[in-house]
């Protein structure tokens, strides 16, 4: 059970972080400035027909594609890692569906805990013998709890209160997965998307469109995607030896996020270095003194190698409350229950 719960929550956390990283990549790439050569090519494609008395002439489709591919050459290099990230996120999203999904795992916890308690009650004699060795034999006449006996007789009823929220989450994950599939070719499809509403269309449009020089057919072929393919671009002059460093950094971020998602698929926890309010770390989650702990982001607990020394009460002072005397035994009971639960 521990492995199943860990894998599902790690996958959910990684999936959300993947959405955050992909959105951050789009935001930073959208702030990259166009080169001077790109701006000149776009001006020639858009406004030169007006200067030559051909205001109604629209750019040829292939001409517009070459201009946009030259302007967005660096952005197109994001395509490979962007696609890898989307594919990995879709694989992670598949862990949310079916009987082994997050909701099913959460709803199964009360049943698993009940099974652990029943298992402990079946081994109560061996557990008691170990407890009596550590804590001593309890005094007769005390009132004890019959919670274990009640568990044997009764039946645990778990009310599913996640019905509506579960269906909403399933639909949300389904919508996100569908959008991820549609956006896989996002960066290489930008030139065609930007040219779709501005180029000449219709019968005979190829012979009457603006080709950058006159109103005639555009003869050069459409070049490929990416910076390396722009060496033969007839419309935009680009130095392929000087890639945009901002975009190269985002390519690296996509690689790192994809690697983390693959680790999450294998059940390995991911150490995100973000500015969230979550406190990462491991531990039992309980306070040393058994009281309530206040969480503070700025709280720093100094480490020490010195052992903690507890003061024994005076021998002549009688213990007035039996509940306080049996507190260590109760703690050992709970620890035994937890160990049995995690072994199942």
C-alpha atoms as a PDB file:
ATOM      1  CA  UNK A   1       0.000   0.000   0.000  1.00  0.00           C
ATOM      2  CA  UNK A   2       2.836   2.368   0.820  1.00  0.00           C
ATOM      3  CA  UNK A   3       4.318   1.916  -2.662  1.00  0.00           C
ATOM      4  CA  UNK A   4       0.968   2.479  -4.386  1.00  0.00           C
ATOM      5  CA  UNK A   5       0.147   5.637  -2.445  1.00  0.00           C
ATOM      6  CA  UNK A   6       3.649   7.030  -2.942  1.00  0.00           C
ATOM      7  CA  UNK A   7       3.612   6.411  -6.703  1.00  0.00           C
ATOM      8  CA  UNK A   8       0.216   8.058  -7.190  1.00  0.00           C
ATOM      9  CA  UNK A   9       0.972  11.181  -5.172  1.00  0.00           C
ATOM     10  CA  UNK A  10       4.421  11.586  -6.712  1.00  0.00           C
ATOM     11  CA  UNK A  11       2.846  11.269 -10.167  1.00  0.00           C
ATOM     12  CA  UNK A  12       0.161  13.853  -9.366  1.00  0.00           C
ATOM     13  CA  UNK A  13       2.710  16.309  -8.010  1.00  0.00           C
ATOM     14  CA  UNK A  14       4.985  15.832 -11.010  1.00  0.00           C
ATOM     15  CA  UNK A  15       2.082  16.283 -13.428  1.00  0.00           C
ATOM     16  CA  UNK A  16       1.151  19.636 -11.911  1.00  0.00           C
ATOM     17  CA  UNK A  17       4.792  20.711 -11.931  1.00  0.00           C
ATOM     18  CA  UNK A  18       5.010  19.749 -15.605  1.00  0.00           C
ATOM     19  CA  UNK A  19       2.101  22.053 -16.402  1.00  0.00           C
ATOM     20  CA  UNK A  20       3.798  24.870 -14.500  1.00  0.00           C
ATOM     21  CA  UNK A  21       7.102  24.384 -16.327  1.00  0.00           C
ATOM     22  CA  UNK A  22       5.477  24.210 -19.770  1.00  0.00           C
ATOM     23  CA  UNK A  23       3.547  27.411 -19.089  1.00  0.00           C
ATOM     24  CA  UNK A  24       6.712  29.117 -17.894  1.00  0.00           C
ATOM     25  CA  UNK A  25       8.538  28.043 -21.062  1.00  0.00           C
ATOM     26  CA  UNK A  26       5.822  29.554 -23.258  1.00  0.00           C
ATOM     27  CA  UNK A  27       5.889  32.772 -21.247  1.00  0.00           C
ATOM     28  CA  UNK A  28       9.648  33.218 -21.502  1.00  0.00           C
ATOM     29  CA  UNK A  29       9.855  32.265 -25.177  1.00  0.00           C
ATOM     30  CA  UNK A  30       7.089  34.734 -26.030  1.00  0.00           C
ATOM     31  CA  UNK A  31       9.302  37.524 -24.663  1.00  0.00           C
ATOM     32  CA  UNK A  32      12.151  36.800 -27.097  1.00  0.00           C
ATOM     33  CA  UNK A  33      12.673  39.774 -29.407  1.00  0.00           C
ATOM     34  CA  UNK A  34      12.557  39.381 -33.195  1.00  0.00           C
ATOM     35  CA  UNK A  35      15.776  39.989 -35.089  1.00  0.00           C
ATOM     36  CA  UNK A  36      16.263  43.003 -37.347  1.00  0.00           C
ATOM     37  CA  UNK A  37      16.409  40.739 -40.422  1.00  0.00           C
ATOM     38  CA  UNK A  38      13.067  39.207 -39.455  1.00  0.00           C
ATOM     39  CA  UNK A  39      11.428  42.608 -39.021  1.00  0.00           C
ATOM     40  CA  UNK A  40      12.698  43.738 -42.445  1.00  0.00           C
ATOM     41  CA  UNK A  41      11.344  40.586 -44.096  1.00  0.00           C
ATOM     42  CA  UNK A  42       7.930  41.027 -42.465  1.00  0.00           C
ATOM     43  CA  UNK A  43       7.782  44.695 -43.489  1.00  0.00           C
ATOM     44  CA  UNK A  44       8.587  43.772 -47.096  1.00  0.00           C
ATOM     45  CA  UNK A  45       5.921  41.063 -47.085  1.00  0.00           C
ATOM     46  CA  UNK A  46       3.211  43.214 -45.477  1.00  0.00           C
ATOM     47  CA  UNK A  47       3.683  46.833 -46.609  1.00  0.00           C
ATOM     48  CA  UNK A  48       5.666  46.805 -49.865  1.00  0.00           C
ATOM     49  CA  UNK A  49       2.568  45.899 -51.954  1.00  0.00           C
ATOM     50  CA  UNK A  50       0.888  49.107 -50.710  1.00  0.00           C
ATOM     51  CA  UNK A  51       3.891  51.206 -51.770  1.00  0.00           C
ATOM     52  CA  UNK A  52       3.725  49.747 -55.265  1.00  0.00           C
ATOM     53  CA  UNK A  53       0.041  50.329 -55.768  1.00  0.00           C
ATOM     54  CA  UNK A  54      -1.039  46.732 -55.109  1.00  0.00           C
ATOM     55  CA  UNK A  55      -2.856  47.156 -51.822  1.00  0.00           C
ATOM     56  CA  UNK A  56      -5.214  44.268 -52.540  1.00  0.00           C
ATOM     57  CA  UNK A  57      -2.386  41.799 -53.208  1.00  0.00           C
ATOM     58  CA  UNK A  58      -1.887  39.272 -50.446  1.00  0.00           C
ATOM     59  CA  UNK A  59       1.340  37.315 -49.840  1.00  0.00           C
ATOM     60  CA  UNK A  60       1.856  33.961 -51.502  1.00  0.00           C
ATOM     61  CA  UNK A  61       1.437  31.015 -49.131  1.00  0.00           C
ATOM     62  CA  UNK A  62       4.959  29.617 -49.598  1.00  0.00           C
ATOM     63  CA  UNK A  63       6.442  33.106 -49.393  1.00  0.00           C
ATOM     64  CA  UNK A  64       4.779  33.747 -46.026  1.00  0.00           C
ATOM     65  CA  UNK A  65       5.861  30.310 -44.761  1.00  0.00           C
ATOM     66  CA  UNK A  66       9.524  31.009 -45.537  1.00  0.00           C
ATOM     67  CA  UNK A  67       9.379  34.397 -43.829  1.00  0.00           C
ATOM     68  CA  UNK A  68       7.754  33.000 -40.685  1.00  0.00           C
ATOM     69  CA  UNK A  69      10.016  29.957 -40.539  1.00  0.00           C
ATOM     70  CA  UNK A  70      13.000  32.265 -40.683  1.00  0.00           C
ATOM     71  CA  UNK A  71      11.613  34.502 -37.937  1.00  0.00           C
ATOM     72  CA  UNK A  72      10.682  31.540 -35.704  1.00  0.00           C
ATOM     73  CA  UNK A  73      13.698  29.352 -36.437  1.00  0.00           C
ATOM     74  CA  UNK A  74      14.938  29.259 -32.831  1.00  0.00           C
ATOM     75  CA  UNK A  75      11.447  28.600 -31.492  1.00  0.00           C
ATOM     76  CA  UNK A  76      11.080  25.602 -33.810  1.00  0.00           C
ATOM     77  CA  UNK A  77      14.059  23.953 -32.100  1.00  0.00           C
ATOM     78  CA  UNK A  78      11.873  23.590 -29.000  1.00  0.00           C
ATOM     79  CA  UNK A  79       9.711  21.074 -30.833  1.00  0.00           C
ATOM     80  CA  UNK A  80      11.625  17.880 -30.005  1.00  0.00           C
ATOM     81  CA  UNK A  81      11.834  18.375 -26.239  1.00  0.00           C
ATOM     82  CA  UNK A  82       8.353  19.916 -26.123  1.00  0.00           C
ATOM     83  CA  UNK A  83       6.945  16.788 -27.746  1.00  0.00           C
ATOM     84  CA  UNK A  84       8.855  14.522 -25.351  1.00  0.00           C
ATOM     85  CA  UNK A  85       7.460  16.449 -22.375  1.00  0.00           C
ATOM     86  CA  UNK A  86       3.880  16.236 -23.670  1.00  0.00           C
ATOM     87  CA  UNK A  87       4.156  12.494 -24.320  1.00  0.00           C
ATOM     88  CA  UNK A  88       5.563  11.843 -20.849  1.00  0.00           C
ATOM     89  CA  UNK A  89       2.856  13.944 -19.194  1.00  0.00           C
ATOM     90  CA  UNK A  90       0.205  11.928 -21.026  1.00  0.00           C
ATOM     91  CA  UNK A  91       1.763   8.742 -19.632  1.00  0.00           C
ATOM     92  CA  UNK A  92       1.687  10.217 -16.129  1.00  0.00           C
ATOM     93  CA  UNK A  93      -1.956  11.253 -16.588  1.00  0.00           C
ATOM     94  CA  UNK A  94      -2.848   7.637 -17.383  1.00  0.00           C
ATOM     95  CA  UNK A  95      -1.978   6.793 -13.758  1.00  0.00           C
ATOM     96  CA  UNK A  96      -4.949   8.880 -12.617  1.00  0.00           C
ATOM     97  CA  UNK A  97      -7.543   6.642 -14.304  1.00  0.00           C
ATOM     98  CA  UNK A  98      -8.852   3.197 -13.511  1.00  0.00           C
ATOM     99  CA  UNK A  99      -8.927   1.198 -10.271  1.00  0.00           C
ATOM    100  CA  UNK A 100      -5.372   2.239  -9.413  1.00  0.00           C
ATOM    101  CA  UNK A 101      -6.043   5.962  -9.789  1.00  0.00           C
ATOM    102  CA  UNK A 102      -5.537   8.591  -7.123  1.00  0.00           C
ATOM    103  CA  UNK A 103      -9.185   8.631  -6.003  1.00  0.00           C
ATOM    104  CA  UNK A 104      -9.374   4.844  -5.753  1.00  0.00           C
ATOM    105  CA  UNK A 105      -6.176   4.711  -3.738  1.00  0.00           C
ATOM    106  CA  UNK A 106      -7.405   7.379  -1.309  1.00  0.00           C
ATOM    107  CA  UNK A 107     -10.789   5.687  -0.840  1.00  0.00           C
ATOM    108  CA  UNK A 108      -9.100   2.339  -0.167  1.00  0.00           C
ATOM    109  CA  UNK A 109      -7.082   3.703   2.766  1.00  0.00           C
ATOM    110  CA  UNK A 110      -9.822   3.190   5.434  1.00  0.00           C
ATOM    111  CA  UNK A 111     -10.260  -0.429   4.338  1.00  0.00           C
ATOM    112  CA  UNK A 112      -6.524  -1.047   4.458  1.00  0.00           C
ATOM    113  CA  UNK A 113      -6.304   0.533   7.917  1.00  0.00           C
ATOM    114  CA  UNK A 114      -9.188  -1.677   9.064  1.00  0.00           C
ATOM    115  CA  UNK A 115      -7.387  -4.743   7.743  1.00  0.00           C
ATOM    116  CA  UNK A 116      -4.265  -3.664   9.619  1.00  0.00           C
ATOM    117  CA  UNK A 117      -6.181  -3.361  12.885  1.00  0.00           C
ATOM    118  CA  UNK A 118      -7.765  -6.780  12.409  1.00  0.00           C
ATOM    119  CA  UNK A 119      -4.349  -8.274  11.664  1.00  0.00           C
ATOM    120  CA  UNK A 120      -2.983  -6.725  14.834  1.00  0.00           C
ATOM    121  CA  UNK A 121      -5.872  -8.138  16.853  1.00  0.00           C
ATOM    122  CA  UNK A 122      -5.159 -11.614  15.473  1.00  0.00           C
ATOM    123  CA  UNK A 123      -1.561 -11.326  16.683  1.00  0.00           C
ATOM    124  CA  UNK A 124      -2.531  -9.604  19.928  1.00  0.00           C
ATOM    125  CA  UNK A 125      -1.043 -12.264  22.202  1.00  0.00           C
ATOM    126  CA  UNK A 126       2.469 -12.030  20.777  1.00  0.00           C
ATOM    127  CA  UNK A 127       2.246  -8.221  20.689  1.00  0.00           C
ATOM    128  CA  UNK A 128       1.068  -8.112  24.329  1.00  0.00           C
ATOM    129  CA  UNK A 129       3.933 -10.296  25.484  1.00  0.00           C
ATOM    130  CA  UNK A 130       6.434  -7.927  23.903  1.00  0.00           C
ATOM    131  CA  UNK A 131       4.633  -4.892  25.325  1.00  0.00           C
ATOM    132  CA  UNK A 132       4.529  -6.353  28.828  1.00  0.00           C
ATOM    133  CA  UNK A 133       8.262  -7.001  28.652  1.00  0.00           C
ATOM    134  CA  UNK A 134       8.903  -3.384  27.718  1.00  0.00           C
ATOM    135  CA  UNK A 135       6.249  -1.626  29.810  1.00  0.00           C
ATOM    136  CA  UNK A 136       5.454  -4.056  32.597  1.00  0.00           C
ATOM    137  CA  UNK A 137       2.203  -5.828  33.432  1.00  0.00           C
ATOM    138  CA  UNK A 138      -0.710  -3.363  33.779  1.00  0.00           C
ATOM    139  CA  UNK A 139      -2.522  -3.144  37.117  1.00  0.00           C
ATOM    140  CA  UNK A 140      -5.832  -4.921  37.433  1.00  0.00           C
ATOM    141  CA  UNK A 141      -9.065  -3.029  37.789  1.00  0.00           C
ATOM    142  CA  UNK A 142      -8.290  -0.382  35.183  1.00  0.00           C
ATOM    143  CA  UNK A 143     -10.722   0.448  32.449  1.00  0.00           C
ATOM    144  CA  UNK A 144      -9.320  -0.314  29.047  1.00  0.00           C
ATOM    145  CA  UNK A 145     -10.493   0.415  25.578  1.00  0.00           C
ATOM    146  CA  UNK A 146     -12.390  -2.216  23.651  1.00  0.00           C
ATOM    147  CA  UNK A 147     -11.705  -0.646  20.295  1.00  0.00           C
ATOM    148  CA  UNK A 148     -10.055  -3.781  18.906  1.00  0.00           C
ATOM    149  CA  UNK A 149     -12.962  -5.980  20.024  1.00  0.00           C
ATOM    150  CA  UNK A 150     -15.405  -3.550  18.462  1.00  0.00           C
ATOM    151  CA  UNK A 151     -13.424  -3.718  15.259  1.00  0.00           C
ATOM    152  CA  UNK A 152     -13.767  -7.503  15.255  1.00  0.00           C
ATOM    153  CA  UNK A 153     -17.518  -7.366  15.730  1.00  0.00           C
ATOM    154  CA  UNK A 154     -18.367  -4.338  13.674  1.00  0.00           C
ATOM    155  CA  UNK A 155     -17.924  -3.385  10.062  1.00  0.00           C
ATOM    156  CA  UNK A 156     -16.148  -0.350   8.757  1.00  0.00           C
ATOM    157  CA  UNK A 157     -18.368   1.796   6.566  1.00  0.00           C
ATOM    158  CA  UNK A 158     -16.621   4.335   4.381  1.00  0.00           C
ATOM    159  CA  UNK A 159     -18.693   7.058   2.816  1.00  0.00           C
ATOM    160  CA  UNK A 160     -17.500   8.150  -0.596  1.00  0.00           C
ATOM    161  CA  UNK A 161     -17.614  11.935  -0.401  1.00  0.00           C
ATOM    162  CA  UNK A 162     -15.425  12.382  -3.472  1.00  0.00           C
ATOM    163  CA  UNK A 163     -18.085  11.474  -6.019  1.00  0.00           C
ATOM    164  CA  UNK A 164     -18.697  14.846  -7.628  1.00  0.00           C
ATOM    165  CA  UNK A 165     -15.162  16.132  -7.154  1.00  0.00           C
ATOM    166  CA  UNK A 166     -13.748  12.887  -8.544  1.00  0.00           C
ATOM    167  CA  UNK A 167     -15.767  13.157 -11.748  1.00  0.00           C
ATOM    168  CA  UNK A 168     -14.729  16.788 -12.120  1.00  0.00           C
ATOM    169  CA  UNK A 169     -11.071  15.879 -11.737  1.00  0.00           C
ATOM    170  CA  UNK A 170     -11.389  13.055 -14.269  1.00  0.00           C
ATOM    171  CA  UNK A 171     -12.889  15.457 -16.793  1.00  0.00           C
ATOM    172  CA  UNK A 172     -10.221  18.046 -16.059  1.00  0.00           C
ATOM    173  CA  UNK A 173      -7.403  15.538 -16.553  1.00  0.00           C
ATOM    174  CA  UNK A 174      -9.073  14.293 -19.737  1.00  0.00           C
ATOM    175  CA  UNK A 175      -9.291  17.837 -21.116  1.00  0.00           C
ATOM    176  CA  UNK A 176      -5.665  18.552 -20.247  1.00  0.00           C
ATOM    177  CA  UNK A 177      -4.550  15.301 -21.894  1.00  0.00           C
ATOM    178  CA  UNK A 178      -6.475  16.131 -25.060  1.00  0.00           C
ATOM    179  CA  UNK A 179      -4.900  19.597 -25.174  1.00  0.00           C
ATOM    180  CA  UNK A 180      -1.446  18.097 -24.688  1.00  0.00           C
ATOM    181  CA  UNK A 181      -1.956  15.853 -27.713  1.00  0.00           C
ATOM    182  CA  UNK A 182      -3.122  18.775 -29.822  1.00  0.00           C
ATOM    183  CA  UNK A 183      -0.210  20.989 -28.747  1.00  0.00           C
ATOM    184  CA  UNK A 184       2.587  18.513 -29.450  1.00  0.00           C
ATOM    185  CA  UNK A 185       3.476  20.142 -32.832  1.00  0.00           C
ATOM    186  CA  UNK A 186       2.862  23.630 -31.425  1.00  0.00           C
ATOM    187  CA  UNK A 187       6.218  25.256 -32.194  1.00  0.00           C
ATOM    188  CA  UNK A 188       6.632  23.926 -35.745  1.00  0.00           C
ATOM    189  CA  UNK A 189       3.003  24.737 -36.596  1.00  0.00           C
ATOM    190  CA  UNK A 190       3.305  28.432 -35.705  1.00  0.00           C
ATOM    191  CA  UNK A 191       4.350  29.561 -39.244  1.00  0.00           C
ATOM    192  CA  UNK A 192       1.335  27.935 -40.901  1.00  0.00           C
ATOM    193  CA  UNK A 193      -1.006  29.241 -38.183  1.00  0.00           C
ATOM    194  CA  UNK A 194       0.276  32.810 -38.538  1.00  0.00           C
ATOM    195  CA  UNK A 195       0.078  32.677 -42.339  1.00  0.00           C
ATOM    196  CA  UNK A 196      -3.357  31.068 -42.546  1.00  0.00           C
ATOM    197  CA  UNK A 197      -5.330  34.318 -42.303  1.00  0.00           C
ATOM    198  CA  UNK A 198      -3.077  36.634 -44.291  1.00  0.00           C
ATOM    199  CA  UNK A 199      -2.073  34.756 -47.465  1.00  0.00           C
ATOM    200  CA  UNK A 200      -3.815  34.712 -50.837  1.00  0.00           C
ATOM    201  CA  UNK A 201      -6.348  31.917 -51.305  1.00  0.00           C
ATOM    202  CA  UNK A 202      -8.826  30.826 -53.960  1.00  0.00           C
ATOM    203  CA  UNK A 203      -8.659  29.947 -57.644  1.00  0.00           C
ATOM    204  CA  UNK A 204      -5.577  31.332 -59.370  1.00  0.00           C
ATOM    205  CA  UNK A 205      -4.244  32.818 -56.148  1.00  0.00           C
ATOM    206  CA  UNK A 206      -0.771  31.374 -56.703  1.00  0.00           C
ATOM    207  CA  UNK A 207      -0.300  33.441 -59.871  1.00  0.00           C
ATOM    208  CA  UNK A 208      -1.742  36.693 -58.494  1.00  0.00           C
ATOM    209  CA  UNK A 209      -0.197  36.821 -55.009  1.00  0.00           C
ATOM    210  CA  UNK A 210       2.615  39.019 -53.730  1.00  0.00           C
ATOM    211  CA  UNK A 211       5.956  37.169 -53.908  1.00  0.00           C
ATOM    212  CA  UNK A 212       8.111  39.897 -52.378  1.00  0.00           C
ATOM    213  CA  UNK A 213       8.984  41.548 -55.698  1.00  0.00           C
ATOM    214  CA  UNK A 214       5.836  41.617 -57.794  1.00  0.00           C
ATOM    215  CA  UNK A 215       2.393  40.122 -58.206  1.00  0.00           C
ATOM    216  CA  UNK A 216       3.316  36.695 -59.549  1.00  0.00           C
ATOM    217  CA  UNK A 217       3.968  33.076 -58.601  1.00  0.00           C
ATOM    218  CA  UNK A 218       6.454  32.420 -55.794  1.00  0.00           C
ATOM    219  CA  UNK A 219       9.093  30.031 -57.167  1.00  0.00           C
ATOM    220  CA  UNK A 220      11.417  29.094 -54.227  1.00  0.00           C
ATOM    221  CA  UNK A 221      10.573  25.975 -52.255  1.00  0.00           C
ATOM    222  CA  UNK A 222       9.436  25.974 -48.649  1.00  0.00           C
ATOM    223  CA  UNK A 223      12.370  25.299 -46.342  1.00  0.00           C
ATOM    224  CA  UNK A 224      12.446  23.053 -43.293  1.00  0.00           C
ATOM    225  CA  UNK A 225      11.925  23.858 -39.626  1.00  0.00           C
ATOM    226  CA  UNK A 226      14.609  24.799 -37.132  1.00  0.00           C
ATOM    227  CA  UNK A 227      17.675  26.994 -37.069  1.00  0.00           C
ATOM    228  CA  UNK A 228      19.927  24.637 -39.041  1.00  0.00           C
ATOM    229  CA  UNK A 229      17.528  24.635 -42.020  1.00  0.00           C
ATOM    230  CA  UNK A 230      17.641  28.421 -42.397  1.00  0.00           C
ATOM    231  CA  UNK A 231      21.022  28.423 -44.116  1.00  0.00           C
ATOM    232  CA  UNK A 232      19.145  28.294 -47.449  1.00  0.00           C
ATOM    233  CA  UNK A 233      16.259  30.604 -46.510  1.00  0.00           C
ATOM    234  CA  UNK A 234      15.829  33.070 -49.416  1.00  0.00           C
ATOM    235  CA  UNK A 235      13.809  35.585 -47.368  1.00  0.00           C
ATOM    236  CA  UNK A 236      15.461  35.958 -43.944  1.00  0.00           C
ATOM    237  CA  UNK A 237      19.206  36.122 -43.342  1.00  0.00           C
ATOM    238  CA  UNK A 238      20.060  34.222 -40.159  1.00  0.00           C
ATOM    239  CA  UNK A 239      23.396  33.316 -38.607  1.00  0.00           C
ATOM    240  CA  UNK A 240      22.849  29.679 -37.689  1.00  0.00           C
ATOM    241  CA  UNK A 241      26.011  29.689 -35.536  1.00  0.00           C
ATOM    242  CA  UNK A 242      24.419  32.079 -33.018  1.00  0.00           C
ATOM    243  CA  UNK A 243      21.341  30.464 -31.461  1.00  0.00           C
ATOM    244  CA  UNK A 244      19.169  32.392 -29.037  1.00  0.00           C
ATOM    245  CA  UNK A 245      20.403  31.626 -25.518  1.00  0.00           C
ATOM    246  CA  UNK A 246      17.029  32.184 -23.839  1.00  0.00           C
ATOM    247  CA  UNK A 247      15.441  29.511 -25.988  1.00  0.00           C
ATOM    248  CA  UNK A 248      18.387  27.159 -25.421  1.00  0.00           C
ATOM    249  CA  UNK A 249      17.854  27.533 -21.680  1.00  0.00           C
ATOM    250  CA  UNK A 250      14.185  26.647 -22.068  1.00  0.00           C
ATOM    251  CA  UNK A 251      15.102  23.570 -24.090  1.00  0.00           C
ATOM    252  CA  UNK A 252      17.225  22.456 -21.138  1.00  0.00           C
ATOM    253  CA  UNK A 253      14.322  23.099 -18.742  1.00  0.00           C
ATOM    254  CA  UNK A 254      12.098  20.865 -20.867  1.00  0.00           C
ATOM    255  CA  UNK A 255      14.716  18.104 -20.779  1.00  0.00           C
ATOM    256  CA  UNK A 256      15.020  18.320 -16.997  1.00  0.00           C
ATOM    257  CA  UNK A 257      11.254  18.245 -16.489  1.00  0.00           C
ATOM    258  CA  UNK A 258      10.851  15.248 -18.801  1.00  0.00           C
ATOM    259  CA  UNK A 259      13.522  13.391 -16.823  1.00  0.00           C
ATOM    260  CA  UNK A 260      11.711  14.137 -13.565  1.00  0.00           C
ATOM    261  CA  UNK A 261       8.411  12.924 -14.978  1.00  0.00           C
ATOM    262  CA  UNK A 262      10.018   9.663 -16.084  1.00  0.00           C
ATOM    263  CA  UNK A 263      11.359   9.205 -12.561  1.00  0.00           C
ATOM    264  CA  UNK A 264       7.839   9.804 -11.240  1.00  0.00           C
ATOM    265  CA  UNK A 265       6.526   7.070 -13.552  1.00  0.00           C
ATOM    266  CA  UNK A 266       8.970   4.679 -11.880  1.00  0.00           C
ATOM    267  CA  UNK A 267       7.794   5.705  -8.412  1.00  0.00           C
ATOM    268  CA  UNK A 268      10.858   7.782  -7.599  1.00  0.00           C
ATOM    269  CA  UNK A 269      10.198  10.967  -5.667  1.00  0.00           C
ATOM    270  CA  UNK A 270      11.175  14.213  -7.369  1.00  0.00           C
ATOM    271  CA  UNK A 271      12.968  16.983  -5.526  1.00  0.00           C
ATOM    272  CA  UNK A 272      11.587  20.168  -7.092  1.00  0.00           C
ATOM    273  CA  UNK A 273      13.465  23.354  -6.377  1.00  0.00           C
ATOM    274  CA  UNK A 274      10.587  25.780  -6.456  1.00  0.00           C
ATOM    275  CA  UNK A 275       9.228  28.609  -4.351  1.00  0.00           C
ATOM    276  CA  UNK A 276       6.124  26.807  -3.151  1.00  0.00           C
ATOM    277  CA  UNK A 277       5.027  26.841   0.470  1.00  0.00           C
ATOM    278  CA  UNK A 278       5.418  23.087   0.746  1.00  0.00           C
ATOM    279  CA  UNK A 279       8.082  21.893   3.164  1.00  0.00           C
ATOM    280  CA  UNK A 280       9.932  18.946   1.685  1.00  0.00           C
ATOM    281  CA  UNK A 281      11.668  16.358   3.812  1.00  0.00           C
ATOM    282  CA  UNK A 282      11.106  13.088   5.586  1.00  0.00           C
ATOM    283  CA  UNK A 283      10.030  12.196   9.101  1.00  0.00           C
ATOM    284  CA  UNK A 284       7.203  10.859  11.191  1.00  0.00           C
ATOM    285  CA  UNK A 285       5.266  14.122  11.153  1.00  0.00           C
ATOM    286  CA  UNK A 286       4.751  14.119  14.945  1.00  0.00           C
ATOM    287  CA  UNK A 287       6.071  16.515  17.560  1.00  0.00           C
ATOM    288  CA  UNK A 288       8.780  15.327  19.964  1.00  0.00           C
ATOM    289  CA  UNK A 289       6.691  16.157  23.019  1.00  0.00           C
ATOM    290  CA  UNK A 290       3.430  14.766  21.678  1.00  0.00           C
ATOM    291  CA  UNK A 291       1.870  18.221  21.454  1.00  0.00           C
ATOM    292  CA  UNK A 292       0.836  20.369  18.551  1.00  0.00           C
ATOM    293  CA  UNK A 293       3.546  21.775  16.300  1.00  0.00           C
ATOM    294  CA  UNK A 294       3.279  25.094  14.540  1.00  0.00           C
ATOM    295  CA  UNK A 295       4.660  25.184  11.004  1.00  0.00           C
ATOM    296  CA  UNK A 296       6.594  28.232  10.033  1.00  0.00           C
ATOM    297  CA  UNK A 297       8.474  28.682   6.727  1.00  0.00           C
ATOM    298  CA  UNK A 298      11.215  30.570   8.495  1.00  0.00           C
ATOM    299  CA  UNK A 299      11.693  28.096  11.348  1.00  0.00           C
ATOM    300  CA  UNK A 300      15.203  26.601  11.476  1.00  0.00           C
ATOM    301  CA  UNK A 301      15.873  23.735  13.863  1.00  0.00           C
ATOM    302  CA  UNK A 302      19.554  23.480  14.823  1.00  0.00           C
ATOM    303  CA  UNK A 303      21.075  20.023  14.632  1.00  0.00           C
ATOM    304  CA  UNK A 304      22.911  18.612  17.631  1.00  0.00           C
ATOM    305  CA  UNK A 305      24.749  15.395  18.354  1.00  0.00           C
ATOM    306  CA  UNK A 306      24.184  15.546  22.119  1.00  0.00           C
ATOM    307  CA  UNK A 307      21.696  12.972  23.453  1.00  0.00           C
ATOM    308  CA  UNK A 308      18.509  14.163  25.073  1.00  0.00           C
ATOM    309  CA  UNK A 309      18.480  13.419  28.824  1.00  0.00           C
ATOM    310  CA  UNK A 310      15.096  12.938  30.456  1.00  0.00           C
ATOM    311  CA  UNK A 311      14.714  13.494  34.176  1.00  0.00           C
ATOM    312  CA  UNK A 312      13.183  10.613  36.143  1.00  0.00           C
ATOM    313  CA  UNK A 313      10.495  11.520  38.691  1.00  0.00           C
ATOM    314  CA  UNK A 314      11.261  11.038  42.395  1.00  0.00           C
ATOM    315  CA  UNK A 315      10.649   7.537  43.673  1.00  0.00           C
ATOM    316  CA  UNK A 316       8.518   8.748  46.555  1.00  0.00           C
ATOM    317  CA  UNK A 317       6.137  10.521  44.222  1.00  0.00           C
ATOM    318  CA  UNK A 318       3.250   8.260  43.279  1.00  0.00           C
ATOM    319  CA  UNK A 319       1.731   8.298  39.862  1.00  0.00           C
ATOM    320  CA  UNK A 320      -1.787   9.567  40.186  1.00  0.00           C
ATOM    321  CA  UNK A 321      -3.050   8.977  36.646  1.00  0.00           C
ATOM    322  CA  UNK A 322      -2.894   5.521  35.083  1.00  0.00           C
ATOM    323  CA  UNK A 323      -3.352   6.973  31.597  1.00  0.00           C
ATOM    324  CA  UNK A 324      -0.029   8.831  31.843  1.00  0.00           C
ATOM    325  CA  UNK A 325       1.692   5.689  33.088  1.00  0.00           C
ATOM    326  CA  UNK A 326       0.548   3.645  30.110  1.00  0.00           C
ATOM    327  CA  UNK A 327       1.324   6.344  27.517  1.00  0.00           C
ATOM    328  CA  UNK A 328       4.511   4.603  26.215  1.00  0.00           C
ATOM    329  CA  UNK A 329       2.550   1.387  25.765  1.00  0.00           C
ATOM    330  CA  UNK A 330      -0.099   3.184  23.731  1.00  0.00           C
ATOM    331  CA  UNK A 331       2.633   4.649  21.580  1.00  0.00           C
ATOM    332  CA  UNK A 332       4.123   1.204  20.955  1.00  0.00           C
ATOM    333  CA  UNK A 333       0.643  -0.080  20.046  1.00  0.00           C
ATOM    334  CA  UNK A 334       0.298   2.610  17.422  1.00  0.00           C
ATOM    335  CA  UNK A 335       3.787   1.958  16.063  1.00  0.00           C
ATOM    336  CA  UNK A 336       3.035  -1.752  15.799  1.00  0.00           C
ATOM    337  CA  UNK A 337      -0.162  -0.992  13.901  1.00  0.00           C
ATOM    338  CA  UNK A 338       1.702   1.281  11.506  1.00  0.00           C
ATOM    339  CA  UNK A 339       4.412  -1.329  10.845  1.00  0.00           C
ATOM    340  CA  UNK A 340       1.843  -4.031  10.110  1.00  0.00           C
ATOM    341  CA  UNK A 341      -0.081  -1.680   7.848  1.00  0.00           C
ATOM    342  CA  UNK A 342       2.982  -0.778   5.777  1.00  0.00           C
ATOM    343  CA  UNK A 343       4.000  -4.430   5.354  1.00  0.00           C
ATOM    344  CA  UNK A 344       0.709  -5.382   3.681  1.00  0.00           C
END
